[in-house]
Protein backbone atom coordinates (compact mmCIF):
# COMPACT_ATOMS: atom_id res chain seq x y z
CA MET A 1 162.58 49.20 137.16
CA LYS A 2 162.29 45.84 135.41
CA ILE A 3 158.62 46.42 134.68
CA TYR A 4 159.33 49.81 133.12
CA ALA A 5 162.17 48.40 131.08
CA VAL A 6 160.02 45.59 129.65
CA THR A 7 157.19 47.99 128.87
CA TYR A 8 159.51 50.42 127.07
CA TYR A 9 161.11 47.59 125.12
CA LYS A 10 157.76 46.21 123.95
CA TYR A 11 156.46 49.66 122.97
CA ASN A 12 159.65 50.58 121.11
CA ASN A 13 159.79 47.23 119.34
CA TYR A 14 156.11 47.53 118.31
CA ASN A 15 156.71 51.02 116.92
CA ASN A 16 159.68 49.83 114.86
CA ASN A 17 157.60 47.00 113.35
CA VAL A 18 154.82 49.39 112.35
CA ASN A 19 157.24 51.87 110.80
CA ASN A 20 159.00 49.14 108.82
CA MET A 21 155.71 47.82 107.46
CA LEU A 22 154.47 51.27 106.47
CA LYS A 23 157.55 51.78 104.29
CA SER A 24 156.29 49.08 101.96
CA ALA A 25 153.53 49.69 99.41
CA HIS A 26 151.98 46.28 100.13
CA PHE A 27 151.63 44.86 103.58
CA ASN A 28 149.36 42.75 105.74
CA LEU A 29 147.15 44.69 108.15
CA SER A 30 146.01 41.64 110.11
CA ALA A 31 148.31 42.50 112.98
CA PHE A 32 146.74 45.92 113.33
CA PRO A 33 142.95 45.61 113.68
CA PHE A 34 142.56 49.32 114.28
CA LEU A 35 143.84 50.00 110.74
CA LYS A 36 141.29 47.72 109.05
CA HIS A 37 138.42 50.23 109.30
CA PRO A 38 136.73 50.54 105.86
CA SER A 39 137.05 54.29 106.08
CA PHE A 40 140.83 54.08 105.55
CA THR A 41 143.07 52.64 102.82
CA PHE A 42 146.81 52.81 102.17
CA ARG A 43 148.16 53.65 98.73
CA GLY A 44 151.84 53.81 97.87
CA THR A 45 154.41 54.59 100.55
CA ASN A 46 153.37 56.21 103.81
CA THR A 47 150.09 57.55 102.35
CA LEU A 48 146.87 57.42 104.31
CA GLN A 49 143.66 58.07 102.33
CA ASP A 50 140.61 59.17 104.30
CA LYS A 51 137.38 57.93 102.69
CA ARG A 52 135.01 59.15 105.35
CA PRO A 53 131.95 61.15 104.18
CA ASN A 54 132.62 64.80 103.38
CA TRP A 55 130.89 66.12 106.47
CA PRO A 56 130.69 69.91 107.02
CA LYS A 57 133.59 71.32 108.96
CA PRO A 58 132.94 72.30 112.57
CA LEU A 59 132.42 76.04 112.89
CA SER A 60 135.72 76.37 114.72
CA LEU A 61 137.61 74.97 111.68
CA ARG A 62 135.89 77.04 108.98
CA SER A 63 137.62 80.02 107.44
CA LYS A 64 136.23 83.52 107.78
CA SER A 65 135.18 83.47 104.11
CA GLU A 66 133.30 80.18 104.58
CA LEU A 67 131.51 81.50 107.64
CA ALA A 68 130.64 84.74 105.84
CA ARG A 69 129.23 82.83 102.87
CA ALA A 70 127.17 80.56 105.13
CA HIS A 71 125.80 83.58 106.98
CA SER A 72 125.01 85.29 103.66
CA LEU A 73 123.04 82.28 102.42
CA GLU A 74 121.10 82.04 105.67
CA THR A 75 120.32 85.75 105.56
CA MET A 76 119.22 85.54 101.93
CA ALA A 77 116.88 82.64 102.68
CA GLU A 78 115.37 84.54 105.59
CA GLU A 79 114.89 87.68 103.49
CA SER A 80 113.32 85.69 100.65
CA ASN A 81 110.68 84.30 103.00
CA ARG A 82 109.50 87.79 103.88
CA THR A 83 109.85 89.40 100.43
CA ALA A 84 107.41 89.66 97.53
CA LEU A 85 108.14 90.64 93.93
CA LEU A 86 105.38 92.78 92.40
CA VAL A 87 105.15 92.64 88.60
CA ILE A 88 102.91 95.54 87.66
CA ASP A 89 100.88 95.96 84.44
CA MET A 90 103.12 93.97 82.10
CA GLN A 91 100.12 93.49 79.80
CA LYS A 92 99.83 93.75 76.04
CA ASP A 93 97.76 96.95 76.04
CA PHE A 94 100.55 98.69 77.98
CA ILE A 95 103.54 97.08 76.26
CA GLU A 96 102.58 96.08 72.72
CA GLY A 97 99.36 97.90 71.89
CA GLY A 98 99.16 101.00 69.76
CA GLY A 99 96.49 102.68 71.83
CA SER A 100 96.53 105.48 74.35
CA LEU A 101 97.81 103.26 77.19
CA LEU A 102 101.05 102.25 75.45
CA VAL A 103 104.16 102.91 77.55
CA LYS A 104 106.94 103.58 75.06
CA GLY A 105 109.72 102.36 77.30
CA GLY A 106 107.87 99.20 78.30
CA LYS A 107 109.04 96.82 75.60
CA GLU A 108 112.70 97.41 76.40
CA ILE A 109 112.38 96.15 79.97
CA VAL A 110 110.58 92.87 79.15
CA PRO A 111 113.80 90.74 79.21
CA ASN A 112 114.78 92.23 82.57
CA VAL A 113 111.36 91.64 84.09
CA ILE A 114 111.54 88.01 82.91
CA LYS A 115 114.98 87.72 84.53
CA ALA A 116 113.75 89.29 87.78
CA VAL A 117 110.92 86.73 87.92
CA ASP A 118 113.41 83.89 87.32
CA VAL A 119 115.65 85.11 90.14
CA ALA A 120 112.67 85.46 92.47
CA ARG A 121 111.59 81.89 91.72
CA GLN A 122 115.10 80.60 92.42
CA ARG A 123 115.13 82.38 95.78
CA GLY A 124 111.65 81.27 96.77
CA ILE A 125 110.27 84.82 96.70
CA LEU A 126 106.50 85.20 96.38
CA ILE A 127 105.55 86.65 92.98
CA VAL A 128 102.49 88.88 92.81
CA TRP A 129 101.15 89.67 89.34
CA VAL A 130 99.38 93.02 89.53
CA VAL A 131 97.15 93.56 86.50
CA ARG A 132 94.50 95.99 85.28
CA GLU A 133 91.12 94.58 84.32
CA HIS A 134 88.03 96.66 83.55
CA ASP A 135 84.36 96.27 82.92
CA PRO A 136 83.73 96.34 79.12
CA LEU A 137 81.40 99.33 79.60
CA GLY A 138 84.03 101.20 81.61
CA ARG A 139 81.93 101.51 84.75
CA ASP A 140 84.94 100.85 87.04
CA VAL A 141 87.39 103.06 85.13
CA GLU A 142 88.68 106.47 86.27
CA LEU A 143 86.48 109.29 85.02
CA PHE A 144 89.19 110.76 82.80
CA ARG A 145 89.34 107.48 80.82
CA ARG A 146 85.69 106.64 80.41
CA HIS A 147 85.52 108.16 76.95
CA LEU A 148 87.64 105.21 75.78
CA TYR A 149 84.73 102.87 76.54
CA ALA A 150 82.08 104.38 74.29
CA ALA A 151 79.12 102.26 73.19
CA GLY A 152 80.10 99.62 70.64
CA LYS A 153 83.80 100.12 71.33
CA VAL A 154 86.03 97.68 73.21
CA GLY A 155 87.99 99.74 75.69
CA PRO A 156 91.56 98.94 76.75
CA LEU A 157 92.05 96.18 79.30
CA SER A 158 88.40 95.11 79.04
CA LYS A 159 87.51 91.70 80.45
CA GLY A 160 87.93 89.03 77.78
CA SER A 161 90.12 91.18 75.51
CA GLU A 162 93.55 90.19 74.23
CA GLY A 163 95.07 93.34 75.68
CA LEU A 164 94.62 91.92 79.19
CA GLU A 165 97.14 89.17 78.58
CA LEU A 166 100.68 89.29 79.88
CA VAL A 167 103.39 89.81 77.28
CA ASP A 168 105.17 86.73 75.93
CA GLY A 169 107.71 85.26 78.32
CA LEU A 170 105.79 86.09 81.50
CA VAL A 171 103.73 83.23 82.89
CA ILE A 172 101.69 83.03 86.08
CA LYS A 173 102.36 79.78 87.94
CA GLU A 174 100.29 77.98 90.55
CA GLU A 175 102.37 79.19 93.48
CA ASP A 176 102.12 82.85 92.35
CA TYR A 177 99.40 85.30 93.28
CA LYS A 178 97.35 87.35 90.80
CA LEU A 179 95.88 90.67 91.91
CA VAL A 180 93.39 92.66 89.83
CA LYS A 181 93.26 96.42 90.34
CA THR A 182 91.27 99.23 88.73
CA ARG A 183 93.40 102.18 89.88
CA PHE A 184 97.06 103.19 89.86
CA SER A 185 98.06 101.77 93.25
CA ALA A 186 98.07 98.02 93.78
CA PHE A 187 96.88 98.73 97.34
CA PHE A 188 93.90 100.95 96.49
CA ALA A 189 90.56 99.13 97.02
CA THR A 190 92.29 95.71 96.90
CA HIS A 191 93.17 93.08 99.47
CA LEU A 192 96.91 93.14 98.66
CA HIS A 193 97.99 94.35 102.10
CA SER A 194 95.96 91.61 103.79
CA VAL A 195 97.44 88.92 101.54
CA LEU A 196 101.00 90.10 102.17
CA GLN A 197 100.49 90.31 105.92
CA GLY A 198 99.04 86.81 105.96
CA ALA A 199 102.14 85.53 104.13
CA GLY A 200 104.51 87.25 106.56
CA ILE A 201 105.75 89.66 103.89
CA ASN A 202 107.25 92.98 104.98
CA SER A 203 109.61 93.74 102.09
CA LEU A 204 108.64 94.53 98.48
CA VAL A 205 110.50 94.54 95.16
CA ILE A 206 108.78 96.42 92.34
CA THR A 207 109.00 95.86 88.57
CA GLY A 208 106.79 96.85 85.62
CA VAL A 209 105.14 100.00 84.24
CA GLN A 210 104.78 102.80 84.43
CA THR A 211 107.02 104.72 86.79
CA PRO A 212 105.02 107.96 87.34
CA ASN A 213 101.67 106.23 87.75
CA CYS A 214 101.22 102.66 88.99
CA ILE A 215 104.81 102.15 90.14
CA ARG A 216 104.98 105.43 92.07
CA GLN A 217 101.53 105.15 93.64
CA THR A 218 102.15 101.56 94.74
CA VAL A 219 105.56 102.46 96.18
CA TYR A 220 104.25 105.44 98.14
CA ASP A 221 101.42 103.35 99.59
CA ALA A 222 103.90 100.58 100.50
CA VAL A 223 106.09 103.10 102.34
CA ALA A 224 103.02 104.54 104.11
CA LEU A 225 102.11 100.99 105.23
CA ASP A 226 105.64 100.55 106.65
CA TYR A 227 106.96 97.92 104.25
CA GLN A 228 110.72 97.96 104.66
CA PRO A 229 112.69 97.87 102.52
CA VAL A 230 110.85 98.84 99.37
CA THR A 231 112.96 98.28 96.26
CA VAL A 232 112.40 99.49 92.69
CA ILE A 233 114.59 97.77 90.11
CA VAL A 234 115.58 100.70 87.89
CA ASP A 235 116.07 98.75 84.65
CA ALA A 236 113.02 96.52 85.16
CA THR A 237 110.65 99.49 85.40
CA ALA A 238 109.89 102.07 82.72
CA ALA A 239 108.02 105.22 81.71
CA ALA A 240 107.20 106.99 78.46
CA THR A 241 110.62 108.66 78.42
CA PRO A 242 113.92 108.16 80.30
CA ASP A 243 113.64 111.65 81.82
CA ILE A 244 110.24 110.92 83.35
CA HIS A 245 111.55 107.59 84.64
CA LEU A 246 114.63 109.10 86.29
CA ALA A 247 112.72 112.03 87.80
CA ASN A 248 110.31 109.68 89.56
CA LEU A 249 113.10 107.38 90.70
CA PHE A 250 114.77 110.44 92.23
CA ASP A 251 111.63 111.25 94.23
CA MET A 252 111.23 107.65 95.43
CA LYS A 253 114.86 107.40 96.44
CA ASN A 254 114.38 110.50 98.60
CA ILE A 255 111.78 108.69 100.72
CA GLY A 256 114.09 105.76 101.42
CA VAL A 257 113.30 103.48 98.47
CA ALA A 258 116.20 101.34 97.22
CA THR A 259 116.92 101.67 93.48
CA PRO A 260 119.35 98.96 92.35
CA THR A 261 119.88 97.69 88.84
CA LEU A 262 118.74 94.16 88.03
CA GLN A 263 122.33 92.91 88.24
CA GLU A 264 122.86 94.54 91.63
CA TRP A 265 119.64 93.08 92.98
CA SER A 266 120.33 89.61 91.51
CA GLU A 267 123.81 89.25 93.01
CA PRO A 268 124.04 87.61 96.46
CA LYS A 269 124.92 90.05 99.21
CA ALA A 270 128.44 89.80 100.55
């Protein structure tokens, strides 16, 4: 009983001393080595400031919203690694020229295509620039267009012509991939599928012109090759008229193609 009494007395006396010292704004910590750790300081009365690094909370202490956001970011990063953005035919002969290949709705979507490319870069999505490029004599052009490449006449999208260039604001960077095609589909007689498979890509996002021709043909071939999902950004693609654009989007949606707006596609998934 004496031993217990002495122990209780010492413990109680020690506690009282600590409490009395903590009531003061200034005190000497020399008697309490465990309180001298550089991670802790005392300010004012009874205030303990924790200066330890702001380490991530253990999973068990995170809120449901924090866990959901972390999962969303991880999912987005995973999806970005297996997704490619195709920018189709955003060239001057289609967008700015006054010739037979001009897509009237093309100029209006230029800002949105630029924004889609910016978002893709931020997410680490592979950007594939799909462009038309033809022999100056028109020997690799569809038969119905060969009259545009008559002798002594520079046909549209001829090698070396200004019409081949991308419109202002769209720039191919080193990490991007450029694909040259001579037909509507980006997959027809090209090595696009091989390149995408080699990069581990199985999901495609489509932008550019024009909806009933190159966009539609590329989308249908992508679906046939089992890319999933295939997405067409509705306000970053265009046709000669809004009615033609919407009619083709309707058909593509009916075969399982996603058709978000640029804003919907750009926003992180919940």
